[in-house]
Amino acid sequence: KKLNYENSSVEKISNYLSERKVICMFRGRSESGPRALGHRSIMCIPDTNNGRDYLNFKIKKREWYRPYAPIVLDKYVNEILDDYILNSPYMTTSAYIKKNWRKKLDAVNHIDNSTRPQILKKEHDPFLYNLIESIYTKTGIPVLLNTSFNKQEPIVETPDNALNTFRKFNIDFLVLNDFIIKK
């Protein structure tokens, strides 16, 4: 399938996400550690039909019960989560989703209403922060589902890895540094 591209911007990416599209993200330097933190990720708004089941069965090809994690903006976390650690930038702690947010965050809500958030401060990643802020303006949801950009393989590391893995997915958009690649 032929790929097209356009210049990337927070506004364009947030428009696609706000339309409940799933995107692959390959931006900047690779992160290290046990989780994808926004630079090598598959992302969507967690209220979408393209949430947990879609990602597990159609995209990642993994078990139905495998959970996903949210990126939550720090200034909204108190409204959304209970029993959280504010300084949690790496998805290594847990929290509970407040009742009035469970439906909006269905795809990152575990069976016991817990979740494993990445609580994002602007100084951690200004681009990602501005992206989620733009999504919040359009949808009222200051959260993105985030999972590693891979398919039964190590997380993508190079632009070639990203393009090859993207081609395997039923996902139409790849943010590749300063470009949006579209199928």
C-alpha atoms as a PDB file:
ATOM      1  CA  LYS A   1       0.000   0.000   0.000  1.00  0.00           C
ATOM      2  CA  LYS A   2       1.333   3.425  -0.942  1.00  0.00           C
ATOM      3  CA  LEU A   3       2.372   5.701   1.899  1.00  0.00           C
ATOM      4  CA  ASN A   4       1.792   9.460   1.845  1.00  0.00           C
ATOM      5  CA  TYR A   5       3.237  12.029   4.182  1.00  0.00           C
ATOM      6  CA  GLU A   6       2.633  15.504   5.507  1.00  0.00           C
ATOM      7  CA  ASN A   7       4.494  17.745   7.915  1.00  0.00           C
ATOM      8  CA  SER A   8       3.741  16.925  11.514  1.00  0.00           C
ATOM      9  CA  SER A   9       2.351  19.327  14.108  1.00  0.00           C
ATOM     10  CA  VAL A  10       0.667  19.057  17.491  1.00  0.00           C
ATOM     11  CA  GLU A  11      -2.544  20.335  15.899  1.00  0.00           C
ATOM     12  CA  LYS A  12      -2.613  17.737  13.098  1.00  0.00           C
ATOM     13  CA  ILE A  13      -1.755  14.829  15.400  1.00  0.00           C
ATOM     14  CA  SER A  14      -4.319  15.903  17.994  1.00  0.00           C
ATOM     15  CA  ASN A  15      -6.957  16.174  15.256  1.00  0.00           C
ATOM     16  CA  TYR A  16      -6.379  12.540  14.218  1.00  0.00           C
ATOM     17  CA  LEU A  17      -6.402  11.343  17.811  1.00  0.00           C
ATOM     18  CA  SER A  18      -9.527  13.390  18.587  1.00  0.00           C
ATOM     19  CA  GLU A  19     -11.213  11.649  15.655  1.00  0.00           C
ATOM     20  CA  ARG A  20     -10.477   8.450  17.626  1.00  0.00           C
ATOM     21  CA  LYS A  21      -7.745   7.267  15.280  1.00  0.00           C
ATOM     22  CA  VAL A  22      -4.901   5.115  16.569  1.00  0.00           C
ATOM     23  CA  ILE A  23      -1.400   6.382  15.788  1.00  0.00           C
ATOM     24  CA  CYS A  24       2.121   5.016  15.960  1.00  0.00           C
ATOM     25  CA  MET A  25       4.629   7.465  17.426  1.00  0.00           C
ATOM     26  CA  PHE A  26       8.350   7.491  16.626  1.00  0.00           C
ATOM     27  CA  ARG A  27       9.827  10.769  17.868  1.00  0.00           C
ATOM     28  CA  GLY A  28      13.180  11.810  19.194  1.00  0.00           C
ATOM     29  CA  ARG A  29      15.463   9.601  21.225  1.00  0.00           C
ATOM     30  CA  SER A  30      14.500   6.144  22.378  1.00  0.00           C
ATOM     31  CA  GLU A  31      13.640   5.740  26.043  1.00  0.00           C
ATOM     32  CA  SER A  32      15.130   3.118  28.291  1.00  0.00           C
ATOM     33  CA  GLY A  33      13.366   1.054  30.894  1.00  0.00           C
ATOM     34  CA  PRO A  34      10.396  -1.301  31.041  1.00  0.00           C
ATOM     35  CA  ARG A  35       7.800   0.955  29.365  1.00  0.00           C
ATOM     36  CA  ALA A  36       7.188   3.032  26.245  1.00  0.00           C
ATOM     37  CA  LEU A  37       6.936   6.640  27.394  1.00  0.00           C
ATOM     38  CA  GLY A  38       5.740   8.440  24.286  1.00  0.00           C
ATOM     39  CA  HIS A  39       8.685   8.265  21.884  1.00  0.00           C
ATOM     40  CA  ARG A  40       8.200   4.679  20.652  1.00  0.00           C
ATOM     41  CA  SER A  41       4.484   4.196  21.226  1.00  0.00           C
ATOM     42  CA  ILE A  42       1.097   3.267  19.887  1.00  0.00           C
ATOM     43  CA  MET A  43      -1.454   5.777  21.175  1.00  0.00           C
ATOM     44  CA  CYS A  44      -5.157   6.515  21.190  1.00  0.00           C
ATOM     45  CA  ILE A  45      -7.765   8.185  23.335  1.00  0.00           C
ATOM     46  CA  PRO A  46      -8.809   5.574  25.922  1.00  0.00           C
ATOM     47  CA  ASP A  47     -12.589   5.976  25.460  1.00  0.00           C
ATOM     48  CA  THR A  48     -12.500   4.705  21.911  1.00  0.00           C
ATOM     49  CA  ASN A  49     -13.736   1.487  20.363  1.00  0.00           C
ATOM     50  CA  ASN A  50     -10.154   1.142  19.130  1.00  0.00           C
ATOM     51  CA  GLY A  51      -9.099   0.544  22.740  1.00  0.00           C
ATOM     52  CA  ARG A  52      -8.011  -2.525  24.674  1.00  0.00           C
ATOM     53  CA  ASP A  53      -9.737  -5.268  22.652  1.00  0.00           C
ATOM     54  CA  TYR A  54      -8.905  -3.706  19.290  1.00  0.00           C
ATOM     55  CA  LEU A  55      -5.258  -3.255  20.262  1.00  0.00           C
ATOM     56  CA  ASN A  56      -4.916  -6.705  21.835  1.00  0.00           C
ATOM     57  CA  PHE A  57      -6.674  -8.698  19.094  1.00  0.00           C
ATOM     58  CA  LYS A  58      -6.196  -6.727  15.876  1.00  0.00           C
ATOM     59  CA  ILE A  59      -2.926  -4.886  16.421  1.00  0.00           C
ATOM     60  CA  LYS A  60      -0.646  -6.395  19.054  1.00  0.00           C
ATOM     61  CA  LYS A  61      -1.944  -9.998  18.720  1.00  0.00           C
ATOM     62  CA  ARG A  62      -1.854 -10.701  22.445  1.00  0.00           C
ATOM     63  CA  GLU A  63      -4.087 -12.048  25.205  1.00  0.00           C
ATOM     64  CA  TRP A  64      -7.422 -10.318  25.939  1.00  0.00           C
ATOM     65  CA  TYR A  65      -6.553  -9.522  29.552  1.00  0.00           C
ATOM     66  CA  ARG A  66      -3.327  -7.635  28.865  1.00  0.00           C
ATOM     67  CA  PRO A  67      -3.783  -4.087  30.184  1.00  0.00           C
ATOM     68  CA  TYR A  68      -2.730  -0.760  28.791  1.00  0.00           C
ATOM     69  CA  ALA A  69      -1.495   2.313  30.595  1.00  0.00           C
ATOM     70  CA  PRO A  70      -2.395   6.000  30.440  1.00  0.00           C
ATOM     71  CA  ILE A  71      -0.349   9.135  30.116  1.00  0.00           C
ATOM     72  CA  VAL A  72      -2.102  11.665  32.385  1.00  0.00           C
ATOM     73  CA  LEU A  73      -1.241  15.360  32.547  1.00  0.00           C
ATOM     74  CA  ASP A  74      -0.087  16.320  36.038  1.00  0.00           C
ATOM     75  CA  LYS A  75      -2.502  19.232  36.425  1.00  0.00           C
ATOM     76  CA  TYR A  76      -5.546  16.958  35.932  1.00  0.00           C
ATOM     77  CA  VAL A  77      -4.393  13.886  37.842  1.00  0.00           C
ATOM     78  CA  ASN A  78      -6.184  14.778  41.093  1.00  0.00           C
ATOM     79  CA  GLU A  79      -9.477  15.003  39.201  1.00  0.00           C
ATOM     80  CA  ILE A  80      -8.945  11.599  37.525  1.00  0.00           C
ATOM     81  CA  LEU A  81      -7.033   9.318  39.912  1.00  0.00           C
ATOM     82  CA  ASP A  82      -7.050   8.244  43.558  1.00  0.00           C
ATOM     83  CA  ASP A  83      -4.162   6.839  45.563  1.00  0.00           C
ATOM     84  CA  TYR A  84      -1.477   7.952  43.100  1.00  0.00           C
ATOM     85  CA  ILE A  85       2.098   9.110  43.403  1.00  0.00           C
ATOM     86  CA  LEU A  86       2.417  12.499  41.698  1.00  0.00           C
ATOM     87  CA  ASN A  87       6.042  11.931  40.781  1.00  0.00           C
ATOM     88  CA  SER A  88       5.358   8.897  38.584  1.00  0.00           C
ATOM     89  CA  PRO A  89       6.818   9.587  35.134  1.00  0.00           C
ATOM     90  CA  TYR A  90       7.658   5.966  34.216  1.00  0.00           C
ATOM     91  CA  MET A  91       4.445   3.867  34.565  1.00  0.00           C
ATOM     92  CA  THR A  92       5.984   1.951  37.457  1.00  0.00           C
ATOM     93  CA  THR A  93       3.383   2.707  40.141  1.00  0.00           C
ATOM     94  CA  SER A  94      -0.356   2.161  40.277  1.00  0.00           C
ATOM     95  CA  ALA A  95      -3.389   4.297  41.021  1.00  0.00           C
ATOM     96  CA  TYR A  96      -7.166   3.950  40.935  1.00  0.00           C
ATOM     97  CA  ILE A  97      -9.411   5.593  38.368  1.00  0.00           C
ATOM     98  CA  LYS A  98     -12.175   7.649  39.954  1.00  0.00           C
ATOM     99  CA  LYS A  99     -15.683   6.399  39.236  1.00  0.00           C
ATOM    100  CA  ASN A 100     -16.744   9.320  37.018  1.00  0.00           C
ATOM    101  CA  TRP A 101     -13.704   8.731  34.730  1.00  0.00           C
ATOM    102  CA  ARG A 102     -13.920   4.944  34.312  1.00  0.00           C
ATOM    103  CA  LYS A 103     -15.991   4.972  31.128  1.00  0.00           C
ATOM    104  CA  LYS A 104     -13.841   7.695  29.523  1.00  0.00           C
ATOM    105  CA  LEU A 105     -10.722   5.713  30.432  1.00  0.00           C
ATOM    106  CA  ASP A 106     -12.129   2.256  29.742  1.00  0.00           C
ATOM    107  CA  ALA A 107      -9.187   1.050  27.666  1.00  0.00           C
ATOM    108  CA  VAL A 108      -6.678   1.750  30.491  1.00  0.00           C
ATOM    109  CA  ASN A 109      -8.938   0.649  33.363  1.00  0.00           C
ATOM    110  CA  HIS A 110      -7.905  -2.717  34.803  1.00  0.00           C
ATOM    111  CA  ILE A 111     -10.503  -5.126  36.193  1.00  0.00           C
ATOM    112  CA  ASP A 112     -10.076  -3.725  39.740  1.00  0.00           C
ATOM    113  CA  ASN A 113     -10.264  -0.081  38.491  1.00  0.00           C
ATOM    114  CA  SER A 114      -6.531   0.337  38.913  1.00  0.00           C
ATOM    115  CA  THR A 115      -4.194   1.642  36.258  1.00  0.00           C
ATOM    116  CA  ARG A 116      -0.450   2.184  35.846  1.00  0.00           C
ATOM    117  CA  PRO A 117      -0.139   5.871  34.952  1.00  0.00           C
ATOM    118  CA  GLN A 118       2.647   7.904  33.521  1.00  0.00           C
ATOM    119  CA  ILE A 119       2.015  11.274  35.131  1.00  0.00           C
ATOM    120  CA  LEU A 120       3.463  13.780  32.714  1.00  0.00           C
ATOM    121  CA  LYS A 121       4.852  17.164  33.678  1.00  0.00           C
ATOM    122  CA  LYS A 122       5.554  19.697  30.945  1.00  0.00           C
ATOM    123  CA  GLU A 123       9.301  19.663  31.635  1.00  0.00           C
ATOM    124  CA  HIS A 124       9.405  15.873  30.997  1.00  0.00           C
ATOM    125  CA  ASP A 125       8.270  16.193  27.372  1.00  0.00           C
ATOM    126  CA  PRO A 126       6.875  19.557  26.190  1.00  0.00           C
ATOM    127  CA  PHE A 127       5.767  18.168  22.799  1.00  0.00           C
ATOM    128  CA  LEU A 128       3.767  15.300  24.314  1.00  0.00           C
ATOM    129  CA  TYR A 129       2.367  17.580  27.006  1.00  0.00           C
ATOM    130  CA  ASN A 130       1.156  20.077  24.404  1.00  0.00           C
ATOM    131  CA  LEU A 131      -0.306  17.220  22.339  1.00  0.00           C
ATOM    132  CA  ILE A 132      -2.376  15.935  25.262  1.00  0.00           C
ATOM    133  CA  GLU A 133      -3.366  19.490  26.195  1.00  0.00           C
ATOM    134  CA  SER A 134      -4.652  19.979  22.631  1.00  0.00           C
ATOM    135  CA  ILE A 135      -6.584  16.701  22.838  1.00  0.00           C
ATOM    136  CA  TYR A 136      -8.099  17.824  26.146  1.00  0.00           C
ATOM    137  CA  THR A 137      -9.310  21.046  24.507  1.00  0.00           C
ATOM    138  CA  LYS A 138     -11.046  19.013  21.784  1.00  0.00           C
ATOM    139  CA  THR A 139     -12.372  16.061  23.811  1.00  0.00           C
ATOM    140  CA  GLY A 140     -12.368  16.909  27.519  1.00  0.00           C
ATOM    141  CA  ILE A 141      -9.973  13.975  28.118  1.00  0.00           C
ATOM    142  CA  PRO A 142      -6.419  14.889  29.247  1.00  0.00           C
ATOM    143  CA  VAL A 143      -5.197  11.308  28.851  1.00  0.00           C
ATOM    144  CA  LEU A 144      -3.734   9.097  26.127  1.00  0.00           C
ATOM    145  CA  LEU A 145      -3.495   5.331  26.074  1.00  0.00           C
ATOM    146  CA  ASN A 146       0.131   4.452  25.496  1.00  0.00           C
ATOM    147  CA  THR A 147       1.681   1.112  24.635  1.00  0.00           C
ATOM    148  CA  SER A 148       4.955   0.045  23.102  1.00  0.00           C
ATOM    149  CA  PHE A 149       5.425   0.369  19.347  1.00  0.00           C
ATOM    150  CA  ASN A 150       6.100  -3.257  18.489  1.00  0.00           C
ATOM    151  CA  LYS A 151       4.351  -6.430  17.380  1.00  0.00           C
ATOM    152  CA  GLN A 152       5.691  -9.555  19.087  1.00  0.00           C
ATOM    153  CA  GLU A 153       9.196  -8.097  18.696  1.00  0.00           C
ATOM    154  CA  PRO A 154      11.472  -5.604  20.466  1.00  0.00           C
ATOM    155  CA  ILE A 155      10.316  -1.975  20.485  1.00  0.00           C
ATOM    156  CA  VAL A 156      11.213  -0.208  17.236  1.00  0.00           C
ATOM    157  CA  GLU A 157      14.544   1.603  17.371  1.00  0.00           C
ATOM    158  CA  THR A 158      15.172   3.060  13.922  1.00  0.00           C
ATOM    159  CA  PRO A 159      13.052   4.807  11.301  1.00  0.00           C
ATOM    160  CA  ASP A 160      13.299   1.649   9.149  1.00  0.00           C
ATOM    161  CA  ASN A 161      12.065  -0.482  12.083  1.00  0.00           C
ATOM    162  CA  ALA A 162       9.194   1.976  12.574  1.00  0.00           C
ATOM    163  CA  LEU A 163       8.145   1.891   8.913  1.00  0.00           C
ATOM    164  CA  ASN A 164       8.377  -1.901   8.681  1.00  0.00           C
ATOM    165  CA  THR A 165       6.341  -2.467  11.845  1.00  0.00           C
ATOM    166  CA  PHE A 166       3.817   0.229  10.857  1.00  0.00           C
ATOM    167  CA  ARG A 167       3.211  -1.591   7.568  1.00  0.00           C
ATOM    168  CA  LYS A 168       2.233  -4.735   9.518  1.00  0.00           C
ATOM    169  CA  PHE A 169      -0.476  -2.923  11.496  1.00  0.00           C
ATOM    170  CA  ASN A 170      -4.054  -2.030  10.714  1.00  0.00           C
ATOM    171  CA  ILE A 171      -3.180   1.534  11.767  1.00  0.00           C
ATOM    172  CA  ASP A 172      -3.321   4.402   9.288  1.00  0.00           C
ATOM    173  CA  PHE A 173      -0.993   6.979  10.902  1.00  0.00           C
ATOM    174  CA  LEU A 174       2.659   7.022  11.899  1.00  0.00           C
ATOM    175  CA  VAL A 175       4.307  10.085  13.377  1.00  0.00           C
ATOM    176  CA  LEU A 176       7.909   9.747  12.221  1.00  0.00           C
ATOM    177  CA  ASN A 177       9.805  12.629  13.793  1.00  0.00           C
ATOM    178  CA  ASP A 178       8.626  15.710  11.844  1.00  0.00           C
ATOM    179  CA  PHE A 179       6.273  13.870   9.477  1.00  0.00           C
ATOM    180  CA  ILE A 180       2.956  12.088   9.597  1.00  0.00           C
ATOM    181  CA  ILE A 181       3.014   9.018   7.361  1.00  0.00           C
ATOM    182  CA  LYS A 182      -0.445   7.904   6.161  1.00  0.00           C
ATOM    183  CA  LYS A 183      -1.524   4.688   4.485  1.00  0.00           C
END
